[in-house]
N, C-alpha and C. Protein backbone atom coordinates (compact mmCIF):
# COMPACT_ATOMS: atom_id res chain seq x y z
N MET A 1 0.84 -1.18 0.00
CA MET A 1 0.00 0.00 0.00
C MET A 1 0.88 1.24 0.00
N ALA A 2 0.56 2.19 -0.85
CA ALA A 2 1.37 3.40 -0.98
C ALA A 2 1.14 4.33 0.20
N ALA A 3 2.20 5.01 0.60
CA ALA A 3 2.11 5.98 1.69
C ALA A 3 1.36 7.22 1.22
N VAL A 4 0.58 7.79 2.11
CA VAL A 4 -0.17 9.01 1.80
C VAL A 4 0.77 10.20 2.00
N PRO A 5 0.89 11.08 0.98
CA PRO A 5 1.80 12.22 1.13
C PRO A 5 1.29 13.19 2.20
N SER A 6 2.22 13.83 2.87
CA SER A 6 1.84 14.80 3.90
C SER A 6 1.23 16.04 3.25
N PRO A 7 0.43 16.80 4.01
CA PRO A 7 -0.14 18.05 3.47
C PRO A 7 0.93 19.01 2.97
N THR A 8 2.07 19.04 3.66
CA THR A 8 3.17 19.93 3.23
C THR A 8 3.69 19.50 1.87
N CYS A 9 3.87 18.20 1.68
CA CYS A 9 4.36 17.67 0.40
C CYS A 9 3.38 17.98 -0.73
N VAL A 10 2.10 17.83 -0.45
CA VAL A 10 1.07 18.12 -1.46
C VAL A 10 1.12 19.60 -1.84
N ARG A 11 1.24 20.50 -0.86
CA ARG A 11 1.32 21.94 -1.14
C ARG A 11 2.57 22.26 -1.96
N GLU A 12 3.70 21.65 -1.59
CA GLU A 12 4.94 21.89 -2.34
C GLU A 12 4.82 21.39 -3.77
N ASP A 13 4.23 20.21 -3.96
CA ASP A 13 4.05 19.68 -5.31
C ASP A 13 3.19 20.62 -6.15
N ARG A 14 2.14 21.16 -5.57
CA ARG A 14 1.28 22.12 -6.29
C ARG A 14 2.06 23.37 -6.66
N ALA A 15 2.89 23.85 -5.73
CA ALA A 15 3.70 25.04 -6.00
C ALA A 15 4.70 24.77 -7.13
N ILE A 16 5.32 23.60 -7.12
CA ILE A 16 6.26 23.24 -8.18
C ILE A 16 5.54 23.17 -9.52
N PHE A 17 4.36 22.58 -9.54
CA PHE A 17 3.58 22.48 -10.77
C PHE A 17 3.26 23.88 -11.31
N ARG A 18 2.84 24.79 -10.44
CA ARG A 18 2.55 26.17 -10.88
C ARG A 18 3.82 26.86 -11.39
N ALA A 19 4.94 26.64 -10.70
CA ALA A 19 6.21 27.25 -11.13
C ALA A 19 6.62 26.75 -12.51
N LEU A 20 6.42 25.47 -12.76
CA LEU A 20 6.75 24.91 -14.08
C LEU A 20 5.93 25.59 -15.18
N ARG A 21 4.66 25.75 -14.94
CA ARG A 21 3.80 26.39 -15.94
C ARG A 21 4.25 27.82 -16.20
N ILE A 22 4.66 28.53 -15.15
CA ILE A 22 5.14 29.91 -15.32
C ILE A 22 6.43 29.94 -16.13
N VAL A 23 7.37 29.04 -15.81
CA VAL A 23 8.64 28.98 -16.55
C VAL A 23 8.38 28.69 -18.02
N GLU A 24 7.54 27.71 -18.31
CA GLU A 24 7.24 27.35 -19.70
C GLU A 24 6.56 28.50 -20.43
N ARG A 25 5.59 29.15 -19.77
CA ARG A 25 4.87 30.26 -20.40
C ARG A 25 5.81 31.42 -20.70
N ARG A 26 6.65 31.76 -19.73
CA ARG A 26 7.60 32.86 -19.95
C ARG A 26 8.58 32.55 -21.07
N ALA A 27 9.07 31.34 -21.11
CA ALA A 27 10.01 30.96 -22.18
C ALA A 27 9.34 31.09 -23.53
N ALA A 28 8.08 30.70 -23.63
CA ALA A 28 7.35 30.78 -24.90
C ALA A 28 6.95 32.21 -25.22
N GLU A 29 6.51 32.98 -24.23
CA GLU A 29 6.04 34.35 -24.47
C GLU A 29 7.17 35.30 -24.85
N HIS A 30 8.26 35.21 -24.16
CA HIS A 30 9.34 36.17 -24.37
C HIS A 30 10.30 35.78 -25.49
N GLY A 31 10.04 34.66 -26.12
CA GLY A 31 10.88 34.23 -27.23
C GLY A 31 12.30 33.94 -26.82
N GLU A 32 12.49 33.50 -25.59
CA GLU A 32 13.83 33.19 -25.11
C GLU A 32 14.37 31.96 -25.84
N ALA A 33 15.58 32.06 -26.31
CA ALA A 33 16.22 30.92 -26.96
C ALA A 33 16.66 29.93 -25.88
N MET A 34 16.39 28.68 -26.12
CA MET A 34 16.75 27.62 -25.17
C MET A 34 18.09 27.02 -25.57
N THR A 35 19.14 27.81 -25.49
CA THR A 35 20.46 27.33 -25.88
C THR A 35 21.43 27.23 -24.71
N ASP A 36 21.06 27.75 -23.56
CA ASP A 36 21.93 27.70 -22.39
C ASP A 36 21.66 26.41 -21.62
N PRO A 37 22.65 25.54 -21.48
CA PRO A 37 22.44 24.29 -20.76
C PRO A 37 21.94 24.48 -19.33
N ARG A 38 22.31 25.59 -18.68
CA ARG A 38 21.84 25.83 -17.31
C ARG A 38 20.33 26.04 -17.28
N VAL A 39 19.80 26.81 -18.25
CA VAL A 39 18.36 27.07 -18.30
C VAL A 39 17.61 25.78 -18.59
N ALA A 40 18.09 25.03 -19.57
CA ALA A 40 17.44 23.75 -19.90
C ALA A 40 17.54 22.79 -18.71
N GLY A 41 18.68 22.77 -18.05
CA GLY A 41 18.85 21.91 -16.89
C GLY A 41 17.88 22.25 -15.77
N GLN A 42 17.69 23.55 -15.51
CA GLN A 42 16.75 23.96 -14.47
C GLN A 42 15.32 23.56 -14.82
N LEU A 43 14.95 23.79 -16.07
CA LEU A 43 13.61 23.43 -16.51
C LEU A 43 13.36 21.94 -16.32
N PHE A 44 14.26 21.12 -16.82
CA PHE A 44 14.06 19.68 -16.74
C PHE A 44 14.25 19.14 -15.32
N ARG A 45 15.10 19.78 -14.52
CA ARG A 45 15.21 19.35 -13.11
C ARG A 45 13.91 19.57 -12.37
N LEU A 46 13.27 20.71 -12.63
CA LEU A 46 11.96 20.96 -12.02
C LEU A 46 10.93 19.93 -12.47
N ARG A 47 10.97 19.59 -13.74
CA ARG A 47 9.97 18.67 -14.30
C ARG A 47 10.23 17.21 -13.91
N LEU A 48 11.49 16.82 -13.83
CA LEU A 48 11.82 15.39 -13.71
C LEU A 48 12.61 14.99 -12.46
N GLY A 49 13.21 15.94 -11.80
CA GLY A 49 14.18 15.64 -10.75
C GLY A 49 13.71 14.73 -9.64
N ASN A 50 12.47 14.84 -9.24
CA ASN A 50 11.98 14.05 -8.11
C ASN A 50 11.10 12.88 -8.51
N GLU A 51 11.10 12.55 -9.77
CA GLU A 51 10.29 11.42 -10.23
C GLU A 51 10.92 10.10 -9.76
N LEU A 52 10.08 9.14 -9.45
CA LEU A 52 10.56 7.84 -8.95
C LEU A 52 10.81 6.84 -10.06
N ARG A 53 10.29 7.13 -11.26
CA ARG A 53 10.53 6.29 -12.44
C ARG A 53 11.20 7.15 -13.49
N GLU A 54 11.84 6.51 -14.46
CA GLU A 54 12.46 7.26 -15.55
C GLU A 54 11.41 7.78 -16.52
N HIS A 55 11.61 9.02 -16.94
CA HIS A 55 10.75 9.65 -17.93
C HIS A 55 11.65 10.35 -18.95
N PHE A 56 11.20 10.38 -20.18
CA PHE A 56 11.95 10.99 -21.28
C PHE A 56 11.08 12.12 -21.84
N GLU A 57 11.61 13.34 -21.81
CA GLU A 57 10.87 14.50 -22.28
C GLU A 57 11.65 15.21 -23.37
N VAL A 58 10.92 15.99 -24.16
CA VAL A 58 11.52 16.73 -25.26
C VAL A 58 11.04 18.17 -25.24
N ALA A 59 11.99 19.11 -25.35
CA ALA A 59 11.67 20.51 -25.57
C ALA A 59 11.78 20.73 -27.08
N PHE A 60 10.67 21.00 -27.73
CA PHE A 60 10.63 21.23 -29.17
C PHE A 60 10.83 22.72 -29.42
N LEU A 61 11.74 23.04 -30.34
CA LEU A 61 12.14 24.43 -30.57
C LEU A 61 11.94 24.83 -32.03
N ASP A 62 11.74 26.14 -32.24
CA ASP A 62 11.61 26.65 -33.61
C ASP A 62 13.00 26.93 -34.19
N ASN A 63 13.06 27.58 -35.35
CA ASN A 63 14.34 27.81 -36.02
C ASN A 63 15.24 28.81 -35.29
N ARG A 64 14.69 29.55 -34.32
CA ARG A 64 15.50 30.45 -33.50
C ARG A 64 15.73 29.87 -32.11
N HIS A 65 15.42 28.59 -31.97
CA HIS A 65 15.58 27.83 -30.73
C HIS A 65 14.69 28.35 -29.61
N ARG A 66 13.54 28.91 -29.99
CA ARG A 66 12.53 29.32 -29.01
C ARG A 66 11.61 28.14 -28.74
N LEU A 67 11.15 28.06 -27.52
CA LEU A 67 10.34 26.94 -27.06
C LEU A 67 8.97 26.92 -27.74
N LEU A 68 8.66 25.79 -28.37
CA LEU A 68 7.32 25.55 -28.92
C LEU A 68 6.48 24.75 -27.93
N ALA A 69 7.07 23.72 -27.35
CA ALA A 69 6.37 22.86 -26.39
C ALA A 69 7.39 22.00 -25.65
N VAL A 70 7.01 21.57 -24.47
CA VAL A 70 7.77 20.57 -23.72
C VAL A 70 6.80 19.44 -23.43
N GLU A 71 7.18 18.23 -23.82
CA GLU A 71 6.28 17.10 -23.67
C GLU A 71 7.00 15.87 -23.15
N ARG A 72 6.30 15.14 -22.31
CA ARG A 72 6.78 13.84 -21.83
C ARG A 72 6.33 12.82 -22.86
N LEU A 73 7.29 12.17 -23.52
CA LEU A 73 6.95 11.22 -24.56
C LEU A 73 7.00 9.77 -24.09
N PHE A 74 7.87 9.47 -23.12
CA PHE A 74 8.03 8.09 -22.68
C PHE A 74 8.21 8.02 -21.17
N SER A 75 7.68 6.97 -20.58
CA SER A 75 7.87 6.69 -19.16
C SER A 75 8.29 5.23 -19.03
N GLY A 76 9.09 4.97 -18.02
CA GLY A 76 9.60 3.61 -17.87
C GLY A 76 9.56 3.14 -16.44
N THR A 77 10.62 2.46 -16.06
CA THR A 77 10.73 1.88 -14.73
C THR A 77 11.76 2.67 -13.93
N ILE A 78 12.15 2.15 -12.81
CA ILE A 78 13.12 2.84 -11.97
C ILE A 78 14.50 2.93 -12.62
N ASP A 79 14.80 2.03 -13.57
CA ASP A 79 16.15 2.01 -14.14
C ASP A 79 16.19 2.11 -15.66
N GLY A 80 15.10 2.49 -16.29
CA GLY A 80 15.16 2.64 -17.74
C GLY A 80 13.83 3.00 -18.35
N ALA A 81 13.88 3.51 -19.56
CA ALA A 81 12.68 3.82 -20.34
C ALA A 81 12.98 3.50 -21.80
N THR A 82 12.02 2.95 -22.49
CA THR A 82 12.19 2.67 -23.90
C THR A 82 11.87 3.94 -24.68
N VAL A 83 12.81 4.34 -25.53
CA VAL A 83 12.65 5.55 -26.34
C VAL A 83 12.53 5.13 -27.80
N HIS A 84 11.47 5.58 -28.45
CA HIS A 84 11.23 5.29 -29.86
C HIS A 84 11.53 6.55 -30.66
N VAL A 85 12.60 6.52 -31.43
CA VAL A 85 13.03 7.67 -32.21
C VAL A 85 11.91 8.12 -33.16
N ARG A 86 11.20 7.17 -33.72
CA ARG A 86 10.12 7.48 -34.66
C ARG A 86 9.07 8.39 -34.02
N VAL A 87 8.72 8.13 -32.76
CA VAL A 87 7.72 8.95 -32.06
C VAL A 87 8.24 10.37 -31.87
N VAL A 88 9.52 10.51 -31.53
CA VAL A 88 10.11 11.84 -31.37
C VAL A 88 10.02 12.61 -32.68
N VAL A 89 10.37 11.96 -33.78
CA VAL A 89 10.32 12.61 -35.10
C VAL A 89 8.89 12.97 -35.48
N GLN A 90 7.96 12.06 -35.26
CA GLN A 90 6.55 12.34 -35.58
C GLN A 90 6.05 13.56 -34.84
N ARG A 91 6.36 13.64 -33.56
CA ARG A 91 5.89 14.78 -32.76
C ARG A 91 6.57 16.07 -33.21
N ALA A 92 7.85 16.01 -33.51
CA ALA A 92 8.58 17.18 -33.99
C ALA A 92 7.97 17.70 -35.30
N LEU A 93 7.65 16.79 -36.21
CA LEU A 93 7.03 17.20 -37.46
C LEU A 93 5.66 17.82 -37.23
N ALA A 94 4.89 17.25 -36.32
CA ALA A 94 3.56 17.78 -36.02
C ALA A 94 3.64 19.20 -35.45
N LEU A 95 4.69 19.48 -34.68
CA LEU A 95 4.86 20.81 -34.08
C LEU A 95 5.67 21.76 -34.96
N ASN A 96 6.14 21.26 -36.11
CA ASN A 96 6.99 22.04 -37.01
C ASN A 96 8.28 22.49 -36.30
N ALA A 97 8.82 21.61 -35.48
CA ALA A 97 10.05 21.91 -34.73
C ALA A 97 11.26 21.74 -35.64
N VAL A 98 12.26 22.55 -35.38
CA VAL A 98 13.51 22.48 -36.14
C VAL A 98 14.64 21.94 -35.27
N ALA A 99 14.53 22.16 -33.98
CA ALA A 99 15.56 21.71 -33.04
C ALA A 99 14.90 21.16 -31.79
N MET A 100 15.67 20.39 -31.04
CA MET A 100 15.16 19.79 -29.82
C MET A 100 16.23 19.70 -28.75
N ILE A 101 15.77 19.72 -27.52
CA ILE A 101 16.58 19.36 -26.37
C ILE A 101 15.82 18.23 -25.70
N VAL A 102 16.48 17.09 -25.54
CA VAL A 102 15.83 15.97 -24.89
C VAL A 102 16.39 15.84 -23.48
N ALA A 103 15.60 15.24 -22.62
CA ALA A 103 16.04 15.05 -21.24
C ALA A 103 15.37 13.83 -20.65
N HIS A 104 16.07 13.22 -19.72
CA HIS A 104 15.46 12.16 -18.92
C HIS A 104 16.11 12.19 -17.55
N ASN A 105 15.44 11.57 -16.62
CA ASN A 105 15.93 11.56 -15.25
C ASN A 105 16.56 10.21 -14.91
N HIS A 106 17.44 10.26 -13.93
CA HIS A 106 18.01 9.06 -13.34
C HIS A 106 17.55 9.03 -11.89
N PRO A 107 16.52 8.24 -11.57
CA PRO A 107 16.03 8.17 -10.19
C PRO A 107 17.09 7.72 -9.19
N SER A 108 18.14 7.08 -9.66
CA SER A 108 19.22 6.61 -8.78
C SER A 108 19.97 7.77 -8.14
N GLY A 109 19.88 8.96 -8.73
CA GLY A 109 20.61 10.12 -8.21
C GLY A 109 21.96 10.33 -8.86
N ASP A 110 22.37 9.44 -9.74
CA ASP A 110 23.65 9.56 -10.45
C ASP A 110 23.37 10.04 -11.87
N ALA A 111 23.79 11.26 -12.18
CA ALA A 111 23.50 11.86 -13.48
C ALA A 111 24.55 11.53 -14.54
N THR A 112 25.42 10.60 -14.28
CA THR A 112 26.44 10.22 -15.26
C THR A 112 25.77 9.54 -16.46
N PRO A 113 26.07 10.00 -17.69
CA PRO A 113 25.49 9.36 -18.88
C PRO A 113 25.92 7.90 -19.00
N SER A 114 24.95 7.03 -19.24
CA SER A 114 25.24 5.61 -19.42
C SER A 114 25.57 5.33 -20.89
N THR A 115 26.01 4.13 -21.16
CA THR A 115 26.26 3.71 -22.54
C THR A 115 24.98 3.82 -23.37
N ALA A 116 23.86 3.42 -22.78
CA ALA A 116 22.57 3.52 -23.49
C ALA A 116 22.19 4.97 -23.75
N ASP A 117 22.50 5.87 -22.81
CA ASP A 117 22.22 7.30 -23.01
C ASP A 117 23.01 7.83 -24.22
N LYS A 118 24.26 7.43 -24.30
CA LYS A 118 25.11 7.86 -25.42
C LYS A 118 24.58 7.29 -26.74
N ALA A 119 24.15 6.04 -26.73
CA ALA A 119 23.65 5.40 -27.96
C ALA A 119 22.38 6.06 -28.46
N ILE A 120 21.42 6.33 -27.59
CA ILE A 120 20.17 6.95 -28.04
C ILE A 120 20.42 8.38 -28.49
N THR A 121 21.37 9.05 -27.89
CA THR A 121 21.72 10.41 -28.31
C THR A 121 22.26 10.39 -29.74
N ARG A 122 23.18 9.47 -30.02
CA ARG A 122 23.74 9.36 -31.37
C ARG A 122 22.64 9.02 -32.38
N GLU A 123 21.77 8.10 -32.01
CA GLU A 123 20.71 7.70 -32.94
C GLU A 123 19.74 8.85 -33.21
N LEU A 124 19.37 9.58 -32.16
CA LEU A 124 18.50 10.75 -32.35
C LEU A 124 19.17 11.78 -33.25
N GLU A 125 20.45 12.04 -33.02
CA GLU A 125 21.17 13.01 -33.84
C GLU A 125 21.16 12.60 -35.31
N GLN A 126 21.42 11.35 -35.58
CA GLN A 126 21.47 10.86 -36.96
C GLN A 126 20.12 10.99 -37.66
N VAL A 127 19.08 10.50 -37.01
CA VAL A 127 17.76 10.49 -37.63
C VAL A 127 17.23 11.91 -37.79
N LEU A 128 17.40 12.73 -36.76
CA LEU A 128 16.92 14.12 -36.85
C LEU A 128 17.66 14.87 -37.95
N ALA A 129 18.96 14.64 -38.08
CA ALA A 129 19.74 15.30 -39.13
C ALA A 129 19.22 14.93 -40.51
N MET A 130 18.84 13.66 -40.69
CA MET A 130 18.27 13.23 -41.97
C MET A 130 16.95 13.94 -42.26
N MET A 131 16.26 14.36 -41.22
CA MET A 131 14.98 15.03 -41.37
C MET A 131 15.12 16.55 -41.39
N GLY A 132 16.35 17.04 -41.36
CA GLY A 132 16.58 18.48 -41.38
C GLY A 132 16.36 19.13 -40.02
N MET A 133 16.47 18.35 -38.96
CA MET A 133 16.31 18.86 -37.60
C MET A 133 17.60 18.64 -36.82
N ARG A 134 17.68 19.27 -35.66
CA ARG A 134 18.92 19.20 -34.91
C ARG A 134 18.66 18.92 -33.43
N LEU A 135 19.45 18.04 -32.86
CA LEU A 135 19.43 17.80 -31.42
C LEU A 135 20.47 18.70 -30.79
N LEU A 136 20.03 19.66 -29.99
CA LEU A 136 20.95 20.60 -29.37
C LEU A 136 21.61 20.04 -28.12
N ASP A 137 20.85 19.22 -27.37
CA ASP A 137 21.41 18.70 -26.13
C ASP A 137 20.59 17.52 -25.63
N HIS A 138 21.21 16.73 -24.80
CA HIS A 138 20.54 15.65 -24.06
C HIS A 138 20.90 15.89 -22.61
N MET A 139 19.91 16.26 -21.81
CA MET A 139 20.11 16.55 -20.40
C MET A 139 19.76 15.31 -19.57
N ILE A 140 20.60 15.02 -18.59
CA ILE A 140 20.31 13.95 -17.64
C ILE A 140 20.18 14.64 -16.29
N VAL A 141 19.02 14.43 -15.66
CA VAL A 141 18.75 15.17 -14.43
C VAL A 141 18.47 14.24 -13.26
N THR A 142 18.77 14.75 -12.08
CA THR A 142 18.41 14.12 -10.82
C THR A 142 17.80 15.23 -9.97
N ALA A 143 17.45 14.91 -8.75
CA ALA A 143 16.88 15.93 -7.86
C ALA A 143 17.87 17.06 -7.58
N HIS A 144 19.17 16.77 -7.68
CA HIS A 144 20.18 17.76 -7.30
C HIS A 144 21.14 18.16 -8.40
N ASP A 145 20.97 17.60 -9.59
CA ASP A 145 21.97 17.84 -10.63
C ASP A 145 21.33 17.78 -12.01
N ALA A 146 21.94 18.46 -12.95
CA ALA A 146 21.55 18.38 -14.36
C ALA A 146 22.84 18.35 -15.18
N VAL A 147 23.01 17.30 -15.97
CA VAL A 147 24.22 17.14 -16.77
C VAL A 147 23.87 17.31 -18.24
N SER A 148 24.60 18.19 -18.91
CA SER A 148 24.44 18.42 -20.34
C SER A 148 25.44 17.56 -21.09
N MET A 149 24.93 16.67 -21.94
CA MET A 149 25.83 15.84 -22.74
C MET A 149 26.58 16.69 -23.76
N THR A 150 25.98 17.80 -24.20
CA THR A 150 26.68 18.71 -25.11
C THR A 150 27.85 19.36 -24.40
N ALA A 151 27.64 19.82 -23.16
CA ALA A 151 28.72 20.44 -22.39
C ALA A 151 29.85 19.45 -22.13
N LEU A 152 29.51 18.17 -22.07
CA LEU A 152 30.54 17.14 -21.87
C LEU A 152 31.22 16.73 -23.18
N GLY A 153 30.78 17.32 -24.29
CA GLY A 153 31.37 16.99 -25.59
C GLY A 153 30.86 15.69 -26.18
N MET A 154 29.67 15.26 -25.77
CA MET A 154 29.14 13.97 -26.22
C MET A 154 28.09 14.09 -27.31
N THR A 155 27.92 15.28 -27.89
CA THR A 155 26.97 15.44 -28.99
C THR A 155 27.64 16.20 -30.12
N TRP A 156 27.03 16.11 -31.30
CA TRP A 156 27.55 16.88 -32.43
C TRP A 156 27.44 18.37 -32.17
N ALA A 157 26.43 18.78 -31.42
CA ALA A 157 26.25 20.20 -31.13
C ALA A 157 27.43 20.77 -30.34
N SER A 158 28.18 19.91 -29.67
CA SER A 158 29.33 20.39 -28.91
C SER A 158 30.54 20.67 -29.80
N GLY A 159 30.48 20.21 -31.06
CA GLY A 159 31.59 20.44 -31.98
C GLY A 159 31.59 21.87 -32.49
N VAL A 160 32.73 22.33 -32.95
CA VAL A 160 32.87 23.70 -33.42
C VAL A 160 31.98 23.96 -34.63
N ALA A 161 31.93 23.03 -35.55
CA ALA A 161 31.17 23.25 -36.78
C ALA A 161 29.78 22.63 -36.73
N GLY A 162 29.36 22.14 -35.59
CA GLY A 162 28.04 21.52 -35.51
C GLY A 162 28.07 20.10 -36.02
N LEU A 163 27.25 19.80 -37.01
CA LEU A 163 27.17 18.45 -37.54
C LEU A 163 28.44 18.07 -38.29
N PRO A 164 28.81 16.81 -38.24
CA PRO A 164 29.99 16.38 -38.98
C PRO A 164 29.72 16.42 -40.48
N THR A 165 30.76 16.41 -41.26
CA THR A 165 30.59 16.48 -42.71
C THR A 165 29.95 15.22 -43.27
N ALA A 166 30.20 14.08 -42.68
CA ALA A 166 29.58 12.84 -43.13
C ALA A 166 28.88 12.18 -41.96
N LEU A 167 27.59 11.94 -42.12
CA LEU A 167 26.83 11.31 -41.05
C LEU A 167 27.10 9.81 -41.03
N PRO A 168 27.21 9.24 -39.85
CA PRO A 168 27.32 7.79 -39.77
C PRO A 168 26.02 7.17 -40.27
N SER A 169 26.10 5.98 -40.81
CA SER A 169 24.88 5.36 -41.29
C SER A 169 24.00 4.98 -40.11
N PRO A 170 22.69 5.17 -40.28
CA PRO A 170 21.78 4.88 -39.17
C PRO A 170 21.73 3.39 -38.87
N SER A 171 21.43 3.08 -37.63
CA SER A 171 21.30 1.67 -37.25
C SER A 171 20.00 1.12 -37.80
N PRO A 172 19.91 -0.18 -37.99
CA PRO A 172 18.69 -0.76 -38.55
C PRO A 172 17.49 -0.57 -37.65
N SER A 173 17.69 -0.52 -36.35
CA SER A 173 16.58 -0.36 -35.42
C SER A 173 16.39 1.10 -35.08
N ARG A 174 15.17 1.52 -34.96
CA ARG A 174 14.88 2.90 -34.56
C ARG A 174 14.39 2.95 -33.12
N THR A 175 14.59 1.88 -32.39
CA THR A 175 14.18 1.81 -31.00
C THR A 175 15.37 1.32 -30.18
N ARG A 176 15.57 1.95 -29.05
CA ARG A 176 16.62 1.53 -28.14
C ARG A 176 16.03 1.45 -26.74
N ARG A 177 16.41 0.45 -26.03
CA ARG A 177 16.06 0.35 -24.62
C ARG A 177 17.22 0.99 -23.90
N ARG A 178 16.96 2.09 -23.20
CA ARG A 178 18.04 2.75 -22.49
C ARG A 178 17.89 2.46 -21.00
N LYS A 179 19.01 2.20 -20.40
CA LYS A 179 19.03 1.91 -18.96
C LYS A 179 19.84 2.99 -18.27
N ALA A 180 19.43 3.31 -17.09
CA ALA A 180 20.13 4.32 -16.30
C ALA A 180 21.51 3.82 -15.94
N GLY A 181 22.42 4.77 -15.80
CA GLY A 181 23.79 4.42 -15.45
C GLY A 181 24.04 4.31 -14.02
């Protein structure tokens, strides 16, 4: 049987929910570009940091990297979530997004990118590039930390010239099971 949250916890959760809506609205209203890893990290930490299961979310951006929408596309277990690249692309096309920042949480509290995190990042970059879209960052968040894979040099966006001159060939599968590190 699940424990009943305290009244204080319920009030705090409501306040966090309201704060998230304000942050998202302001980012969309003021046309702020979502290119600073700290801003993206704060947004996704608020949204995902205290979740008990893994969730994968995407910030869809326009051609000036302004926020169009933030959506939770996948949910999983305590140690992983299945990410379907096709679903990410379909949603991006529906929103007319040109760029994206993806994020997921590690309920374990360790924000170190796993091998699976690196693999899904590479696959997303490849497929999005073929569609004329760009993955700007993959954020891994916990309750106390947000790690930018771009800041760590683990994405094409971290390179000086952006995308490489020759894209690696895509893998035959468009689905990866990613496990937390």
